[in-house]
């Protein structure tokens, strides 16, 4: 009669901890990843559009297994704060030098008031 052939569930090839490639049911792919702790640093396994397990990393990590620390805002601040401080200091020094230069120049070109009053 109308006996439908049994369809086997979709499978996926996964590399186990012994570097052996194993064919497992698609539903078990993430179970194997989780069991082997393939996704590091709180990464979570998901099955991608190509029916392959992948790690979805937190924002702090990147890489196939979430093994590489990503650059963070703290890293950026460690660079920006000293650079901004040095730039600010140089700006203040430049303003002071300009003021000193203008004052010295004005003094040089102004006639002495004492000499004018003595000439009478």
C-alpha atoms as a PDB file:
ATOM      1  CA  UNK A   1       0.000   0.000   0.000  1.00  0.00           C
ATOM      2  CA  UNK A   2       0.687   3.498   0.880  1.00  0.00           C
ATOM      3  CA  UNK A   3       3.800   3.012   2.948  1.00  0.00           C
ATOM      4  CA  UNK A   4       5.903   6.154   2.988  1.00  0.00           C
ATOM      5  CA  UNK A   5       9.632   5.660   3.078  1.00  0.00           C
ATOM      6  CA  UNK A   6      11.155   6.658   6.373  1.00  0.00           C
ATOM      7  CA  UNK A   7      13.085   9.845   5.915  1.00  0.00           C
ATOM      8  CA  UNK A   8      16.226  10.055   7.917  1.00  0.00           C
ATOM      9  CA  UNK A   9      16.741  13.394   9.653  1.00  0.00           C
ATOM     10  CA  UNK A  10      19.254  15.784   8.072  1.00  0.00           C
ATOM     11  CA  UNK A  11      22.782  15.160   9.242  1.00  0.00           C
ATOM     12  CA  UNK A  12      25.870  17.287   9.565  1.00  0.00           C
ATOM     13  CA  UNK A  13      29.578  16.523   9.784  1.00  0.00           C
ATOM     14  CA  UNK A  14      31.136  17.647  13.051  1.00  0.00           C
ATOM     15  CA  UNK A  15      34.744  17.316  14.182  1.00  0.00           C
ATOM     16  CA  UNK A  16      34.953  15.797  17.644  1.00  0.00           C
ATOM     17  CA  UNK A  17      37.623  16.393  20.290  1.00  0.00           C
ATOM     18  CA  UNK A  18      39.812  13.652  18.821  1.00  0.00           C
ATOM     19  CA  UNK A  19      39.867  15.490  15.463  1.00  0.00           C
ATOM     20  CA  UNK A  20      37.606  12.780  14.015  1.00  0.00           C
ATOM     21  CA  UNK A  21      34.843  13.873  11.654  1.00  0.00           C
ATOM     22  CA  UNK A  22      31.551  12.396  12.791  1.00  0.00           C
ATOM     23  CA  UNK A  23      28.184  12.498  11.034  1.00  0.00           C
ATOM     24  CA  UNK A  24      25.472  13.409  13.523  1.00  0.00           C
ATOM     25  CA  UNK A  25      21.806  14.392  13.182  1.00  0.00           C
ATOM     26  CA  UNK A  26      21.465  18.127  12.629  1.00  0.00           C
ATOM     27  CA  UNK A  27      19.541  18.490  15.882  1.00  0.00           C
ATOM     28  CA  UNK A  28      22.486  16.978  17.780  1.00  0.00           C
ATOM     29  CA  UNK A  29      25.176  19.202  16.223  1.00  0.00           C
ATOM     30  CA  UNK A  30      24.910  21.891  18.885  1.00  0.00           C
ATOM     31  CA  UNK A  31      24.573  19.280  21.609  1.00  0.00           C
ATOM     32  CA  UNK A  32      27.979  17.942  20.541  1.00  0.00           C
ATOM     33  CA  UNK A  33      29.446  21.482  20.349  1.00  0.00           C
ATOM     34  CA  UNK A  34      28.104  22.263  23.817  1.00  0.00           C
ATOM     35  CA  UNK A  35      29.295  18.943  25.241  1.00  0.00           C
ATOM     36  CA  UNK A  36      32.806  19.482  23.856  1.00  0.00           C
ATOM     37  CA  UNK A  37      32.786  23.165  24.848  1.00  0.00           C
ATOM     38  CA  UNK A  38      33.675  24.105  21.268  1.00  0.00           C
ATOM     39  CA  UNK A  39      32.309  27.635  21.737  1.00  0.00           C
ATOM     40  CA  UNK A  40      34.542  29.370  24.256  1.00  0.00           C
ATOM     41  CA  UNK A  41      33.994  32.449  26.458  1.00  0.00           C
ATOM     42  CA  UNK A  42      30.192  32.119  26.738  1.00  0.00           C
ATOM     43  CA  UNK A  43      29.727  31.685  22.975  1.00  0.00           C
ATOM     44  CA  UNK A  44      26.537  29.853  21.948  1.00  0.00           C
ATOM     45  CA  UNK A  45      26.172  27.224  19.227  1.00  0.00           C
ATOM     46  CA  UNK A  46      23.645  27.672  16.434  1.00  0.00           C
ATOM     47  CA  UNK A  47      23.055  25.899  13.121  1.00  0.00           C
ATOM     48  CA  UNK A  48      23.714  28.318  10.241  1.00  0.00           C
ATOM     49  CA  UNK A  49      21.961  28.561   6.863  1.00  0.00           C
ATOM     50  CA  UNK A  50      24.301  25.899   5.426  1.00  0.00           C
ATOM     51  CA  UNK A  51      23.222  23.437   8.144  1.00  0.00           C
ATOM     52  CA  UNK A  52      26.573  23.694   9.897  1.00  0.00           C
ATOM     53  CA  UNK A  53      27.058  24.373  13.586  1.00  0.00           C
ATOM     54  CA  UNK A  54      28.749  27.688  14.374  1.00  0.00           C
ATOM     55  CA  UNK A  55      29.545  29.691  17.458  1.00  0.00           C
ATOM     56  CA  UNK A  56      27.751  32.976  18.091  1.00  0.00           C
ATOM     57  CA  UNK A  57      30.130  35.010  20.245  1.00  0.00           C
ATOM     58  CA  UNK A  58      29.447  37.657  22.844  1.00  0.00           C
ATOM     59  CA  UNK A  59      30.557  41.175  21.895  1.00  0.00           C
ATOM     60  CA  UNK A  60      33.758  40.702  23.924  1.00  0.00           C
ATOM     61  CA  UNK A  61      35.096  37.850  21.724  1.00  0.00           C
ATOM     62  CA  UNK A  62      35.541  36.947  18.047  1.00  0.00           C
ATOM     63  CA  UNK A  63      36.821  33.975  16.033  1.00  0.00           C
ATOM     64  CA  UNK A  64      35.388  30.635  14.923  1.00  0.00           C
ATOM     65  CA  UNK A  65      35.298  29.423  18.522  1.00  0.00           C
ATOM     66  CA  UNK A  66      35.055  32.837  20.249  1.00  0.00           C
ATOM     67  CA  UNK A  67      38.698  32.434  21.252  1.00  0.00           C
ATOM     68  CA  UNK A  68      39.972  35.963  20.474  1.00  0.00           C
ATOM     69  CA  UNK A  69      39.288  38.935  22.732  1.00  0.00           C
ATOM     70  CA  UNK A  70      37.719  41.790  20.779  1.00  0.00           C
ATOM     71  CA  UNK A  71      38.882  45.374  21.225  1.00  0.00           C
ATOM     72  CA  UNK A  72      36.670  47.004  23.843  1.00  0.00           C
ATOM     73  CA  UNK A  73      35.758  50.571  24.722  1.00  0.00           C
ATOM     74  CA  UNK A  74      38.106  50.260  27.714  1.00  0.00           C
ATOM     75  CA  UNK A  75      41.022  49.542  25.368  1.00  0.00           C
ATOM     76  CA  UNK A  76      40.090  52.606  23.339  1.00  0.00           C
ATOM     77  CA  UNK A  77      39.892  54.766  26.468  1.00  0.00           C
ATOM     78  CA  UNK A  78      43.357  53.620  27.576  1.00  0.00           C
ATOM     79  CA  UNK A  79      44.687  55.168  24.362  1.00  0.00           C
ATOM     80  CA  UNK A  80      42.408  58.200  23.994  1.00  0.00           C
ATOM     81  CA  UNK A  81      42.735  59.616  27.518  1.00  0.00           C
ATOM     82  CA  UNK A  82      46.552  60.067  27.464  1.00  0.00           C
ATOM     83  CA  UNK A  83      46.474  61.345  23.869  1.00  0.00           C
ATOM     84  CA  UNK A  84      43.764  63.887  24.735  1.00  0.00           C
ATOM     85  CA  UNK A  85      45.665  64.970  27.866  1.00  0.00           C
ATOM     86  CA  UNK A  86      48.887  65.524  25.908  1.00  0.00           C
ATOM     87  CA  UNK A  87      47.028  67.377  23.135  1.00  0.00           C
ATOM     88  CA  UNK A  88      45.326  69.602  25.727  1.00  0.00           C
ATOM     89  CA  UNK A  89      48.639  70.354  27.423  1.00  0.00           C
ATOM     90  CA  UNK A  90      50.274  71.252  24.099  1.00  0.00           C
ATOM     91  CA  UNK A  91      47.321  73.531  23.298  1.00  0.00           C
ATOM     92  CA  UNK A  92      47.674  75.373  26.637  1.00  0.00           C
ATOM     93  CA  UNK A  93      51.442  75.746  26.110  1.00  0.00           C
ATOM     94  CA  UNK A  94      50.834  77.101  22.590  1.00  0.00           C
ATOM     95  CA  UNK A  95      48.305  79.677  23.898  1.00  0.00           C
ATOM     96  CA  UNK A  96      50.751  80.763  26.638  1.00  0.00           C
ATOM     97  CA  UNK A  97      53.572  81.143  24.095  1.00  0.00           C
ATOM     98  CA  UNK A  98      51.335  83.234  21.804  1.00  0.00           C
ATOM     99  CA  UNK A  99      50.304  85.514  24.686  1.00  0.00           C
ATOM    100  CA  UNK A 100      53.907  85.941  25.803  1.00  0.00           C
ATOM    101  CA  UNK A 101      55.016  86.676  22.227  1.00  0.00           C
ATOM    102  CA  UNK A 102      52.256  89.272  21.699  1.00  0.00           C
ATOM    103  CA  UNK A 103      52.974  90.973  25.029  1.00  0.00           C
ATOM    104  CA  UNK A 104      56.717  91.093  24.325  1.00  0.00           C
ATOM    105  CA  UNK A 105      56.095  92.489  20.831  1.00  0.00           C
ATOM    106  CA  UNK A 106      53.688  95.155  22.074  1.00  0.00           C
ATOM    107  CA  UNK A 107      56.174  96.243  24.757  1.00  0.00           C
ATOM    108  CA  UNK A 108      58.987  96.496  22.203  1.00  0.00           C
ATOM    109  CA  UNK A 109      57.051  98.782  19.826  1.00  0.00           C
ATOM    110  CA  UNK A 110      55.374 101.034  22.404  1.00  0.00           C
ATOM    111  CA  UNK A 111      57.343 104.193  23.191  1.00  0.00           C
ATOM    112  CA  UNK A 112      58.385 104.509  26.815  1.00  0.00           C
ATOM    113  CA  UNK A 113      56.070 106.929  28.647  1.00  0.00           C
ATOM    114  CA  UNK A 114      58.799 107.913  31.096  1.00  0.00           C
ATOM    115  CA  UNK A 115      61.060 109.194  28.287  1.00  0.00           C
ATOM    116  CA  UNK A 116      58.268 111.383  26.830  1.00  0.00           C
ATOM    117  CA  UNK A 117      57.533 113.057  30.146  1.00  0.00           C
ATOM    118  CA  UNK A 118      61.273 113.687  30.805  1.00  0.00           C
ATOM    119  CA  UNK A 119      61.816 115.458  27.462  1.00  0.00           C
ATOM    120  CA  UNK A 120      59.616 118.404  28.470  1.00  0.00           C
END
